[in-house]
Amino acid sequence: MSSNGLTSAHDQLKEWAQGDLTCEQWRNGVRFTKKNRQQVLDQNEGFKTETSYSGQNFRETRVYEVKDGGLNVRSKSKTSWADSRRTDTYRCSADSEETKRFLRNSRDDLDTDGIE
């Protein structure tokens, strides 16, 4: 960070190369810092999306919901074994890696107005 408090283009490029920034974020200068992540979660109260994955012997569905300033995740999975069904529900805080990944992946669908 430079003396004027701004992140240099070199630092942003380094973060992008490490996978911390998407191309769009790098171009727009938007970063999902802890403060920004909380602001995005607050702005998107009630947002809900679902993802699914199916492999050879495994199937999983995840439901993500922004609620009360955090991210609620419900995961339902099944393998080829008869007794292998599982349902988990947990809450992620704004500083968790899963929340950061969710925000990056859902960025185009979320309200990010006013985020610097």
N, C-alpha and C. Protein backbone atom coordinates (compact mmCIF):
# COMPACT_ATOMS: atom_id res chain seq x y z
N MET A 1 0.85 -1.17 0.00
CA MET A 1 0.00 0.00 0.00
C MET A 1 0.90 1.23 0.00
N SER A 2 0.57 2.23 -0.80
CA SER A 2 1.38 3.43 -0.89
C SER A 2 1.11 4.36 0.28
N SER A 3 1.88 5.44 0.35
CA SER A 3 1.75 6.37 1.47
C SER A 3 0.41 7.11 1.47
N ASN A 4 -0.25 7.20 0.30
CA ASN A 4 -1.54 7.89 0.26
C ASN A 4 -2.71 6.96 0.57
N GLY A 5 -2.42 5.70 0.95
CA GLY A 5 -3.47 4.79 1.36
C GLY A 5 -4.07 3.97 0.22
N LEU A 6 -3.63 4.19 -1.01
CA LEU A 6 -4.17 3.46 -2.14
C LEU A 6 -3.30 2.24 -2.45
N THR A 7 -3.92 1.21 -2.94
CA THR A 7 -3.20 0.01 -3.33
C THR A 7 -2.60 0.25 -4.71
N SER A 8 -1.32 -0.07 -4.85
CA SER A 8 -0.66 0.15 -6.13
C SER A 8 -1.12 -0.89 -7.15
N ALA A 9 -0.98 -0.55 -8.42
CA ALA A 9 -1.35 -1.48 -9.48
C ALA A 9 -0.49 -2.75 -9.39
N HIS A 10 0.75 -2.61 -8.97
CA HIS A 10 1.64 -3.77 -8.83
C HIS A 10 1.11 -4.71 -7.76
N ASP A 11 0.66 -4.16 -6.61
CA ASP A 11 0.11 -5.00 -5.54
C ASP A 11 -1.18 -5.68 -5.99
N GLN A 12 -2.02 -4.95 -6.74
CA GLN A 12 -3.26 -5.54 -7.24
C GLN A 12 -2.97 -6.65 -8.23
N LEU A 13 -1.98 -6.45 -9.10
CA LEU A 13 -1.62 -7.47 -10.07
C LEU A 13 -1.09 -8.72 -9.35
N LYS A 14 -0.32 -8.51 -8.29
CA LYS A 14 0.20 -9.64 -7.51
C LYS A 14 -0.95 -10.41 -6.87
N GLU A 15 -1.93 -9.72 -6.31
CA GLU A 15 -3.09 -10.37 -5.71
C GLU A 15 -3.90 -11.12 -6.76
N TRP A 16 -4.05 -10.52 -7.94
CA TRP A 16 -4.78 -11.18 -9.02
C TRP A 16 -4.06 -12.46 -9.43
N ALA A 17 -2.74 -12.41 -9.52
CA ALA A 17 -1.97 -13.59 -9.91
C ALA A 17 -2.09 -14.71 -8.87
N GLN A 18 -2.27 -14.35 -7.61
CA GLN A 18 -2.41 -15.33 -6.54
C GLN A 18 -3.85 -15.83 -6.43
N GLY A 19 -4.76 -15.28 -7.22
CA GLY A 19 -6.14 -15.72 -7.20
C GLY A 19 -7.02 -14.95 -6.23
N ASP A 20 -6.48 -13.89 -5.59
CA ASP A 20 -7.27 -13.13 -4.63
C ASP A 20 -8.20 -12.12 -5.30
N LEU A 21 -7.92 -11.76 -6.55
CA LEU A 21 -8.76 -10.82 -7.29
C LEU A 21 -9.17 -11.42 -8.62
N THR A 22 -10.39 -11.18 -9.05
CA THR A 22 -10.80 -11.58 -10.40
C THR A 22 -10.35 -10.48 -11.36
N CYS A 23 -10.37 -10.77 -12.65
CA CYS A 23 -9.99 -9.77 -13.66
C CYS A 23 -10.88 -8.53 -13.54
N GLU A 24 -12.17 -8.76 -13.37
CA GLU A 24 -13.13 -7.65 -13.27
C GLU A 24 -12.85 -6.79 -12.04
N GLN A 25 -12.54 -7.42 -10.90
CA GLN A 25 -12.24 -6.67 -9.69
C GLN A 25 -10.96 -5.85 -9.90
N TRP A 26 -9.99 -6.44 -10.57
CA TRP A 26 -8.74 -5.73 -10.80
C TRP A 26 -8.97 -4.51 -11.68
N ARG A 27 -9.79 -4.68 -12.73
CA ARG A 27 -10.09 -3.56 -13.60
C ARG A 27 -10.88 -2.48 -12.87
N ASN A 28 -11.84 -2.87 -12.06
CA ASN A 28 -12.70 -1.92 -11.36
C ASN A 28 -12.11 -1.43 -10.05
N GLY A 29 -11.07 -2.08 -9.56
CA GLY A 29 -10.47 -1.69 -8.29
C GLY A 29 -11.28 -2.13 -7.08
N VAL A 30 -12.27 -3.02 -7.25
CA VAL A 30 -13.09 -3.50 -6.14
C VAL A 30 -12.43 -4.71 -5.52
N ARG A 31 -12.29 -4.66 -4.19
CA ARG A 31 -11.71 -5.77 -3.46
C ARG A 31 -12.68 -6.20 -2.37
N PHE A 32 -12.74 -7.50 -2.13
CA PHE A 32 -13.60 -8.00 -1.06
C PHE A 32 -12.78 -8.10 0.23
N THR A 33 -12.51 -6.93 0.82
CA THR A 33 -11.86 -6.90 2.13
C THR A 33 -12.90 -7.33 3.17
N LYS A 34 -12.46 -7.55 4.40
CA LYS A 34 -13.40 -7.97 5.44
C LYS A 34 -14.53 -6.95 5.59
N LYS A 35 -14.18 -5.67 5.59
CA LYS A 35 -15.19 -4.61 5.72
C LYS A 35 -16.15 -4.62 4.52
N ASN A 36 -15.58 -4.76 3.31
CA ASN A 36 -16.42 -4.79 2.12
C ASN A 36 -17.31 -6.02 2.07
N ARG A 37 -16.79 -7.15 2.52
CA ARG A 37 -17.59 -8.38 2.53
C ARG A 37 -18.81 -8.20 3.43
N GLN A 38 -18.61 -7.60 4.60
CA GLN A 38 -19.73 -7.38 5.51
C GLN A 38 -20.74 -6.42 4.90
N GLN A 39 -20.25 -5.40 4.22
CA GLN A 39 -21.14 -4.42 3.58
C GLN A 39 -21.98 -5.09 2.47
N VAL A 40 -21.34 -5.96 1.68
CA VAL A 40 -22.06 -6.65 0.61
C VAL A 40 -23.10 -7.59 1.21
N LEU A 41 -22.75 -8.30 2.27
CA LEU A 41 -23.72 -9.18 2.92
C LEU A 41 -24.91 -8.38 3.45
N ASP A 42 -24.64 -7.23 4.07
CA ASP A 42 -25.73 -6.40 4.60
C ASP A 42 -26.63 -5.87 3.47
N GLN A 43 -26.03 -5.50 2.33
CA GLN A 43 -26.78 -4.96 1.19
C GLN A 43 -27.62 -6.03 0.49
N ASN A 44 -27.27 -7.29 0.66
CA ASN A 44 -27.92 -8.36 -0.08
C ASN A 44 -28.72 -9.29 0.82
N GLU A 45 -29.26 -8.75 1.88
CA GLU A 45 -30.10 -9.53 2.80
C GLU A 45 -31.20 -10.26 2.03
N GLY A 46 -31.32 -11.55 2.25
CA GLY A 46 -32.36 -12.34 1.59
C GLY A 46 -31.93 -12.99 0.29
N PHE A 47 -30.74 -12.66 -0.22
CA PHE A 47 -30.26 -13.27 -1.46
C PHE A 47 -30.07 -14.77 -1.25
N LYS A 48 -30.52 -15.56 -2.22
CA LYS A 48 -30.45 -17.01 -2.09
C LYS A 48 -30.06 -17.61 -3.44
N THR A 49 -29.16 -18.56 -3.42
CA THR A 49 -28.76 -19.25 -4.65
C THR A 49 -28.42 -20.69 -4.33
N GLU A 50 -28.44 -21.52 -5.35
CA GLU A 50 -28.20 -22.95 -5.16
C GLU A 50 -27.16 -23.43 -6.17
N THR A 51 -26.27 -24.30 -5.73
CA THR A 51 -25.30 -24.93 -6.62
C THR A 51 -25.42 -26.44 -6.46
N SER A 52 -25.02 -27.15 -7.48
CA SER A 52 -25.05 -28.61 -7.37
C SER A 52 -23.84 -29.19 -8.09
N TYR A 53 -23.44 -30.35 -7.64
CA TYR A 53 -22.32 -31.08 -8.21
C TYR A 53 -22.70 -32.55 -8.26
N SER A 54 -22.36 -33.19 -9.36
CA SER A 54 -22.62 -34.61 -9.48
C SER A 54 -21.40 -35.28 -10.10
N GLY A 55 -20.85 -36.23 -9.39
CA GLY A 55 -19.72 -37.00 -9.88
C GLY A 55 -20.13 -38.45 -10.05
N GLN A 56 -19.15 -39.32 -10.25
CA GLN A 56 -19.44 -40.72 -10.51
C GLN A 56 -20.18 -41.39 -9.34
N ASN A 57 -19.70 -41.17 -8.13
CA ASN A 57 -20.33 -41.80 -6.96
C ASN A 57 -20.73 -40.80 -5.89
N PHE A 58 -20.88 -39.55 -6.26
CA PHE A 58 -21.14 -38.51 -5.28
C PHE A 58 -22.04 -37.44 -5.89
N ARG A 59 -22.99 -36.95 -5.09
CA ARG A 59 -23.88 -35.89 -5.52
C ARG A 59 -24.05 -34.93 -4.35
N GLU A 60 -23.96 -33.62 -4.62
CA GLU A 60 -24.12 -32.63 -3.56
C GLU A 60 -24.88 -31.42 -4.08
N THR A 61 -25.76 -30.90 -3.24
CA THR A 61 -26.48 -29.66 -3.51
C THR A 61 -26.21 -28.72 -2.34
N ARG A 62 -25.89 -27.47 -2.65
CA ARG A 62 -25.65 -26.46 -1.62
C ARG A 62 -26.60 -25.29 -1.84
N VAL A 63 -27.23 -24.85 -0.78
CA VAL A 63 -28.09 -23.67 -0.82
C VAL A 63 -27.42 -22.60 0.03
N TYR A 64 -27.12 -21.47 -0.60
CA TYR A 64 -26.50 -20.33 0.08
C TYR A 64 -27.56 -19.27 0.29
N GLU A 65 -27.63 -18.73 1.51
CA GLU A 65 -28.60 -17.68 1.80
C GLU A 65 -27.95 -16.61 2.68
N VAL A 66 -28.06 -15.36 2.24
CA VAL A 66 -27.55 -14.23 3.02
C VAL A 66 -28.66 -13.84 4.00
N LYS A 67 -28.34 -13.95 5.29
CA LYS A 67 -29.35 -13.67 6.31
C LYS A 67 -28.68 -13.14 7.57
N ASP A 68 -29.25 -12.10 8.16
CA ASP A 68 -28.75 -11.50 9.40
C ASP A 68 -27.27 -11.15 9.35
N GLY A 69 -26.83 -10.61 8.21
CA GLY A 69 -25.44 -10.15 8.08
C GLY A 69 -24.42 -11.26 7.94
N GLY A 70 -24.85 -12.47 7.64
CA GLY A 70 -23.93 -13.59 7.46
C GLY A 70 -24.40 -14.48 6.33
N LEU A 71 -23.64 -15.53 6.08
CA LEU A 71 -23.96 -16.47 5.01
C LEU A 71 -24.34 -17.81 5.63
N ASN A 72 -25.56 -18.25 5.36
CA ASN A 72 -26.01 -19.57 5.81
C ASN A 72 -25.86 -20.55 4.66
N VAL A 73 -25.29 -21.71 4.95
CA VAL A 73 -25.05 -22.73 3.92
C VAL A 73 -25.73 -24.02 4.36
N ARG A 74 -26.52 -24.58 3.46
CA ARG A 74 -27.11 -25.90 3.71
C ARG A 74 -26.59 -26.84 2.63
N SER A 75 -25.93 -27.89 3.05
CA SER A 75 -25.33 -28.84 2.15
C SER A 75 -26.02 -30.19 2.29
N LYS A 76 -26.42 -30.77 1.18
CA LYS A 76 -27.07 -32.06 1.18
C LYS A 76 -26.31 -32.95 0.19
N SER A 77 -25.81 -34.08 0.67
CA SER A 77 -25.01 -34.93 -0.21
C SER A 77 -25.37 -36.40 -0.07
N LYS A 78 -24.96 -37.16 -1.07
CA LYS A 78 -25.25 -38.58 -1.11
C LYS A 78 -24.16 -39.26 -1.93
N THR A 79 -23.73 -40.41 -1.46
CA THR A 79 -22.79 -41.22 -2.24
C THR A 79 -23.50 -42.48 -2.71
N SER A 80 -22.78 -43.35 -3.35
CA SER A 80 -23.40 -44.57 -3.88
C SER A 80 -23.75 -45.57 -2.78
N TRP A 81 -23.22 -45.40 -1.59
CA TRP A 81 -23.55 -46.29 -0.48
C TRP A 81 -24.94 -45.97 0.05
N ALA A 82 -25.69 -46.98 0.42
CA ALA A 82 -27.08 -46.82 0.84
C ALA A 82 -27.24 -45.94 2.07
N ASP A 83 -26.30 -46.01 3.01
CA ASP A 83 -26.43 -45.26 4.26
C ASP A 83 -25.59 -43.99 4.29
N SER A 84 -25.32 -43.42 3.15
CA SER A 84 -24.37 -42.31 3.10
C SER A 84 -25.00 -40.95 2.82
N ARG A 85 -26.24 -40.76 3.18
CA ARG A 85 -26.87 -39.45 3.00
C ARG A 85 -26.46 -38.53 4.15
N ARG A 86 -26.25 -37.26 3.81
CA ARG A 86 -25.81 -36.31 4.84
C ARG A 86 -26.42 -34.94 4.54
N THR A 87 -26.86 -34.26 5.59
CA THR A 87 -27.34 -32.89 5.48
C THR A 87 -26.66 -32.08 6.57
N ASP A 88 -26.00 -31.00 6.17
CA ASP A 88 -25.32 -30.10 7.12
C ASP A 88 -25.84 -28.69 6.90
N THR A 89 -25.99 -27.97 7.99
CA THR A 89 -26.34 -26.55 7.92
C THR A 89 -25.36 -25.82 8.82
N TYR A 90 -24.76 -24.76 8.29
CA TYR A 90 -23.82 -23.98 9.09
C TYR A 90 -23.83 -22.53 8.64
N ARG A 91 -23.26 -21.69 9.47
CA ARG A 91 -23.22 -20.25 9.22
C ARG A 91 -21.78 -19.81 9.07
N CYS A 92 -21.53 -18.98 8.06
CA CYS A 92 -20.18 -18.45 7.81
C CYS A 92 -20.16 -16.96 8.13
N SER A 93 -19.13 -16.51 8.80
CA SER A 93 -18.98 -15.09 9.09
C SER A 93 -18.37 -14.38 7.88
N ALA A 94 -18.34 -13.06 7.92
CA ALA A 94 -17.83 -12.28 6.79
C ALA A 94 -16.34 -12.52 6.55
N ASP A 95 -15.60 -12.95 7.57
CA ASP A 95 -14.16 -13.12 7.39
C ASP A 95 -13.76 -14.55 7.01
N SER A 96 -14.72 -15.44 6.79
CA SER A 96 -14.37 -16.81 6.43
C SER A 96 -14.00 -16.91 4.94
N GLU A 97 -13.18 -17.88 4.62
CA GLU A 97 -12.76 -18.10 3.23
C GLU A 97 -13.96 -18.53 2.37
N GLU A 98 -14.87 -19.29 2.94
CA GLU A 98 -16.03 -19.72 2.17
C GLU A 98 -16.90 -18.53 1.76
N THR A 99 -17.06 -17.57 2.66
CA THR A 99 -17.83 -16.37 2.32
C THR A 99 -17.13 -15.59 1.22
N LYS A 100 -15.82 -15.48 1.33
CA LYS A 100 -15.04 -14.77 0.31
C LYS A 100 -15.22 -15.44 -1.06
N ARG A 101 -15.13 -16.76 -1.10
CA ARG A 101 -15.31 -17.51 -2.34
C ARG A 101 -16.73 -17.33 -2.89
N PHE A 102 -17.72 -17.41 -2.00
CA PHE A 102 -19.12 -17.22 -2.41
C PHE A 102 -19.32 -15.85 -3.04
N LEU A 103 -18.81 -14.80 -2.41
CA LEU A 103 -18.97 -13.44 -2.93
C LEU A 103 -18.28 -13.29 -4.29
N ARG A 104 -17.09 -13.85 -4.42
CA ARG A 104 -16.39 -13.78 -5.70
C ARG A 104 -17.17 -14.50 -6.79
N ASN A 105 -17.68 -15.68 -6.49
CA ASN A 105 -18.40 -16.46 -7.50
C ASN A 105 -19.77 -15.88 -7.84
N SER A 106 -20.39 -15.17 -6.89
CA SER A 106 -21.74 -14.63 -7.10
C SER A 106 -21.72 -13.13 -7.37
N ARG A 107 -20.57 -12.57 -7.58
CA ARG A 107 -20.40 -11.13 -7.70
C ARG A 107 -21.35 -10.48 -8.70
N ASP A 108 -21.54 -11.12 -9.85
CA ASP A 108 -22.39 -10.53 -10.89
C ASP A 108 -23.86 -10.50 -10.50
N ASP A 109 -24.27 -11.36 -9.58
CA ASP A 109 -25.67 -11.44 -9.17
C ASP A 109 -25.97 -10.60 -7.92
N LEU A 110 -24.94 -10.11 -7.25
CA LEU A 110 -25.11 -9.37 -6.00
C LEU A 110 -25.12 -7.87 -6.23
N ASP A 111 -25.73 -7.14 -5.32
CA ASP A 111 -25.72 -5.69 -5.33
C ASP A 111 -24.42 -5.21 -4.72
N THR A 112 -23.51 -4.66 -5.53
CA THR A 112 -22.23 -4.18 -5.02
C THR A 112 -22.11 -2.67 -5.18
N ASP A 113 -23.23 -1.98 -5.35
CA ASP A 113 -23.20 -0.51 -5.47
C ASP A 113 -22.62 0.11 -4.20
N GLY A 114 -21.73 1.05 -4.38
CA GLY A 114 -21.14 1.75 -3.26
C GLY A 114 -19.94 1.06 -2.63
N ILE A 115 -19.55 -0.09 -3.15
CA ILE A 115 -18.38 -0.81 -2.63
C ILE A 115 -17.15 -0.27 -3.33
N GLU A 116 -16.16 0.09 -2.56
CA GLU A 116 -14.93 0.65 -3.14
C GLU A 116 -13.85 -0.38 -3.26
